[in-house]
C-alpha atoms as a PDB file:
ATOM      1  CA  UNK A   1      -1.893   9.187  -8.352  1.00  0.00           C
ATOM      2  CA  UNK A   2      -2.680   5.883  -6.655  1.00  0.00           C
ATOM      3  CA  UNK A   3      -2.768   2.561  -8.480  1.00  0.00           C
ATOM      4  CA  UNK A   4      -4.878  -0.475  -7.501  1.00  0.00           C
ATOM      5  CA  UNK A   5      -2.725  -3.332  -6.253  1.00  0.00           C
ATOM      6  CA  UNK A   6      -4.814  -5.972  -4.528  1.00  0.00           C
ATOM      7  CA  UNK A   7      -8.134  -6.754  -2.871  1.00  0.00           C
ATOM      8  CA  UNK A   8      -8.010  -9.223   0.014  1.00  0.00           C
ATOM      9  CA  UNK A   9     -10.828 -11.719   0.696  1.00  0.00           C
ATOM     10  CA  UNK A  10     -12.108  -9.515   3.563  1.00  0.00           C
ATOM     11  CA  UNK A  11     -12.557  -6.617   1.057  1.00  0.00           C
ATOM     12  CA  UNK A  12      -9.407  -4.788   2.191  1.00  0.00           C
ATOM     13  CA  UNK A  13      -8.136  -2.675  -0.715  1.00  0.00           C
ATOM     14  CA  UNK A  14      -4.425  -1.985  -1.144  1.00  0.00           C
ATOM     15  CA  UNK A  15      -3.243   0.753  -3.509  1.00  0.00           C
ATOM     16  CA  UNK A  16       0.161   2.345  -4.104  1.00  0.00           C
ATOM     17  CA  UNK A  17       1.639   5.544  -5.461  1.00  0.00           C
ATOM     18  CA  UNK A  18       4.179   6.033  -8.189  1.00  0.00           C
ATOM     19  CA  UNK A  19       7.792   5.621  -7.189  1.00  0.00           C
ATOM     20  CA  UNK A  20       9.188   8.937  -5.941  1.00  0.00           C
ATOM     21  CA  UNK A  21      12.529  10.230  -4.724  1.00  0.00           C
ATOM     22  CA  UNK A  22      12.424  11.775  -1.253  1.00  0.00           C
ATOM     23  CA  UNK A  23      15.758  13.042   0.059  1.00  0.00           C
ATOM     24  CA  UNK A  24      17.537  10.757  -2.432  1.00  0.00           C
ATOM     25  CA  UNK A  25      15.631   7.616  -1.383  1.00  0.00           C
ATOM     26  CA  UNK A  26      13.152   5.798  -3.603  1.00  0.00           C
ATOM     27  CA  UNK A  27       9.827   5.778  -1.731  1.00  0.00           C
ATOM     28  CA  UNK A  28       6.341   4.422  -2.348  1.00  0.00           C
ATOM     29  CA  UNK A  29       3.173   5.275  -0.450  1.00  0.00           C
ATOM     30  CA  UNK A  30       0.920   2.258   0.203  1.00  0.00           C
ATOM     31  CA  UNK A  31      -2.653   2.909   1.341  1.00  0.00           C
ATOM     32  CA  UNK A  32      -4.897   0.294   2.931  1.00  0.00           C
ATOM     33  CA  UNK A  33      -8.650   0.623   3.363  1.00  0.00           C
ATOM     34  CA  UNK A  34     -11.317  -1.809   4.574  1.00  0.00           C
ATOM     35  CA  UNK A  35     -15.074  -1.182   4.643  1.00  0.00           C
ATOM     36  CA  UNK A  36     -16.693  -1.530   8.065  1.00  0.00           C
ATOM     37  CA  UNK A  37     -20.150  -0.695   9.387  1.00  0.00           C
ATOM     38  CA  UNK A  38     -20.576   3.032   8.969  1.00  0.00           C
ATOM     39  CA  UNK A  39     -17.304   3.736   7.187  1.00  0.00           C
ATOM     40  CA  UNK A  40     -13.786   2.464   6.650  1.00  0.00           C
ATOM     41  CA  UNK A  41     -10.630   1.424   8.453  1.00  0.00           C
ATOM     42  CA  UNK A  42      -7.634   3.041   6.792  1.00  0.00           C
ATOM     43  CA  UNK A  43      -3.878   3.436   7.078  1.00  0.00           C
ATOM     44  CA  UNK A  44      -0.890   4.603   5.054  1.00  0.00           C
ATOM     45  CA  UNK A  45       2.507   2.880   4.984  1.00  0.00           C
ATOM     46  CA  UNK A  46       5.622   4.479   3.476  1.00  0.00           C
ATOM     47  CA  UNK A  47       8.248   2.235   1.909  1.00  0.00           C
ATOM     48  CA  UNK A  48      11.128   1.574   2.359  1.00  0.00           C
ATOM     49  CA  UNK A  49      11.035   2.276   6.103  1.00  0.00           C
ATOM     50  CA  UNK A  50       7.498   0.904   6.742  1.00  0.00           C
ATOM     51  CA  UNK A  51       6.481   4.100   8.518  1.00  0.00           C
ATOM     52  CA  UNK A  52       2.766   4.009   9.282  1.00  0.00           C
ATOM     53  CA  UNK A  53       0.626   7.128   9.465  1.00  0.00           C
ATOM     54  CA  UNK A  54      -3.040   8.113   9.409  1.00  0.00           C
ATOM     55  CA  UNK A  55      -4.013   4.813  11.067  1.00  0.00           C
ATOM     56  CA  UNK A  56      -7.749   4.829  11.737  1.00  0.00           C
ATOM     57  CA  UNK A  57      -9.627   1.802  13.075  1.00  0.00           C
ATOM     58  CA  UNK A  58      -6.824  -0.753  12.819  1.00  0.00           C
ATOM     59  CA  UNK A  59      -5.378  -2.424  15.918  1.00  0.00           C
ATOM     60  CA  UNK A  60      -1.633  -2.740  16.433  1.00  0.00           C
ATOM     61  CA  UNK A  61      -1.925  -6.465  15.677  1.00  0.00           C
ATOM     62  CA  UNK A  62      -3.744  -5.759  12.402  1.00  0.00           C
ATOM     63  CA  UNK A  63      -1.062  -3.250  11.398  1.00  0.00           C
ATOM     64  CA  UNK A  64       1.618  -5.858  12.162  1.00  0.00           C
ATOM     65  CA  UNK A  65      -0.201  -8.344   9.896  1.00  0.00           C
ATOM     66  CA  UNK A  66      -0.561  -5.771   7.127  1.00  0.00           C
ATOM     67  CA  UNK A  67       3.110  -4.880   7.442  1.00  0.00           C
ATOM     68  CA  UNK A  68       4.100  -8.549   7.056  1.00  0.00           C
ATOM     69  CA  UNK A  69       2.002  -8.729   3.891  1.00  0.00           C
ATOM     70  CA  UNK A  70       3.399  -5.495   2.464  1.00  0.00           C
ATOM     71  CA  UNK A  71       6.970  -6.541   3.293  1.00  0.00           C
ATOM     72  CA  UNK A  72       6.459  -9.835   1.469  1.00  0.00           C
ATOM     73  CA  UNK A  73       5.208  -7.958  -1.609  1.00  0.00           C
ATOM     74  CA  UNK A  74       7.500  -4.912  -1.463  1.00  0.00           C
ATOM     75  CA  UNK A  75       9.606  -5.875  -4.496  1.00  0.00           C
ATOM     76  CA  UNK A  76       6.475  -6.234  -6.627  1.00  0.00           C
ATOM     77  CA  UNK A  77       5.026  -2.991  -5.287  1.00  0.00           C
ATOM     78  CA  UNK A  78       8.244  -1.136  -6.152  1.00  0.00           C
ATOM     79  CA  UNK A  79       8.324  -2.629  -9.650  1.00  0.00           C
ATOM     80  CA  UNK A  80       4.715  -1.643 -10.342  1.00  0.00           C
ATOM     81  CA  UNK A  81       5.240   1.804  -8.800  1.00  0.00           C
ATOM     82  CA  UNK A  82       8.096   2.394 -11.258  1.00  0.00           C
ATOM     83  CA  UNK A  83       5.985   1.213 -14.222  1.00  0.00           C
ATOM     84  CA  UNK A  84       2.724   3.003 -13.421  1.00  0.00           C
ATOM     85  CA  UNK A  85       0.736   0.177 -11.857  1.00  0.00           C
ATOM     86  CA  UNK A  86      -0.739  -3.042 -13.202  1.00  0.00           C
ATOM     87  CA  UNK A  87      -2.431  -1.365 -16.162  1.00  0.00           C
ATOM     88  CA  UNK A  88       0.818  -0.093 -17.623  1.00  0.00           C
ATOM     89  CA  UNK A  89       2.804  -3.215 -16.709  1.00  0.00           C
ATOM     90  CA  UNK A  90       0.248  -5.474 -18.431  1.00  0.00           C
ATOM     91  CA  UNK A  91       0.174  -3.255 -21.539  1.00  0.00           C
ATOM     92  CA  UNK A  92       3.919  -3.625 -22.179  1.00  0.00           C
END
């Protein structure tokens, strides 16, 4: 399941998965998607190693900028991923 995290002013949507253990490491999948003419730009970033995959339409510079943003918010993303997203965190 993916949880809404943030919408940037340019309509870029950022969502994240639940926290999961992969080979003993806590990981979170972060997906980014932006509407463009005729479709979407999209990419997936895996925390904690910031491994990008399924990058479609984004330039290397744009990925670098998105990575900076995700790195600056990683602690919050992890916290929400452990709690089930904003909806659960705000209900507690």
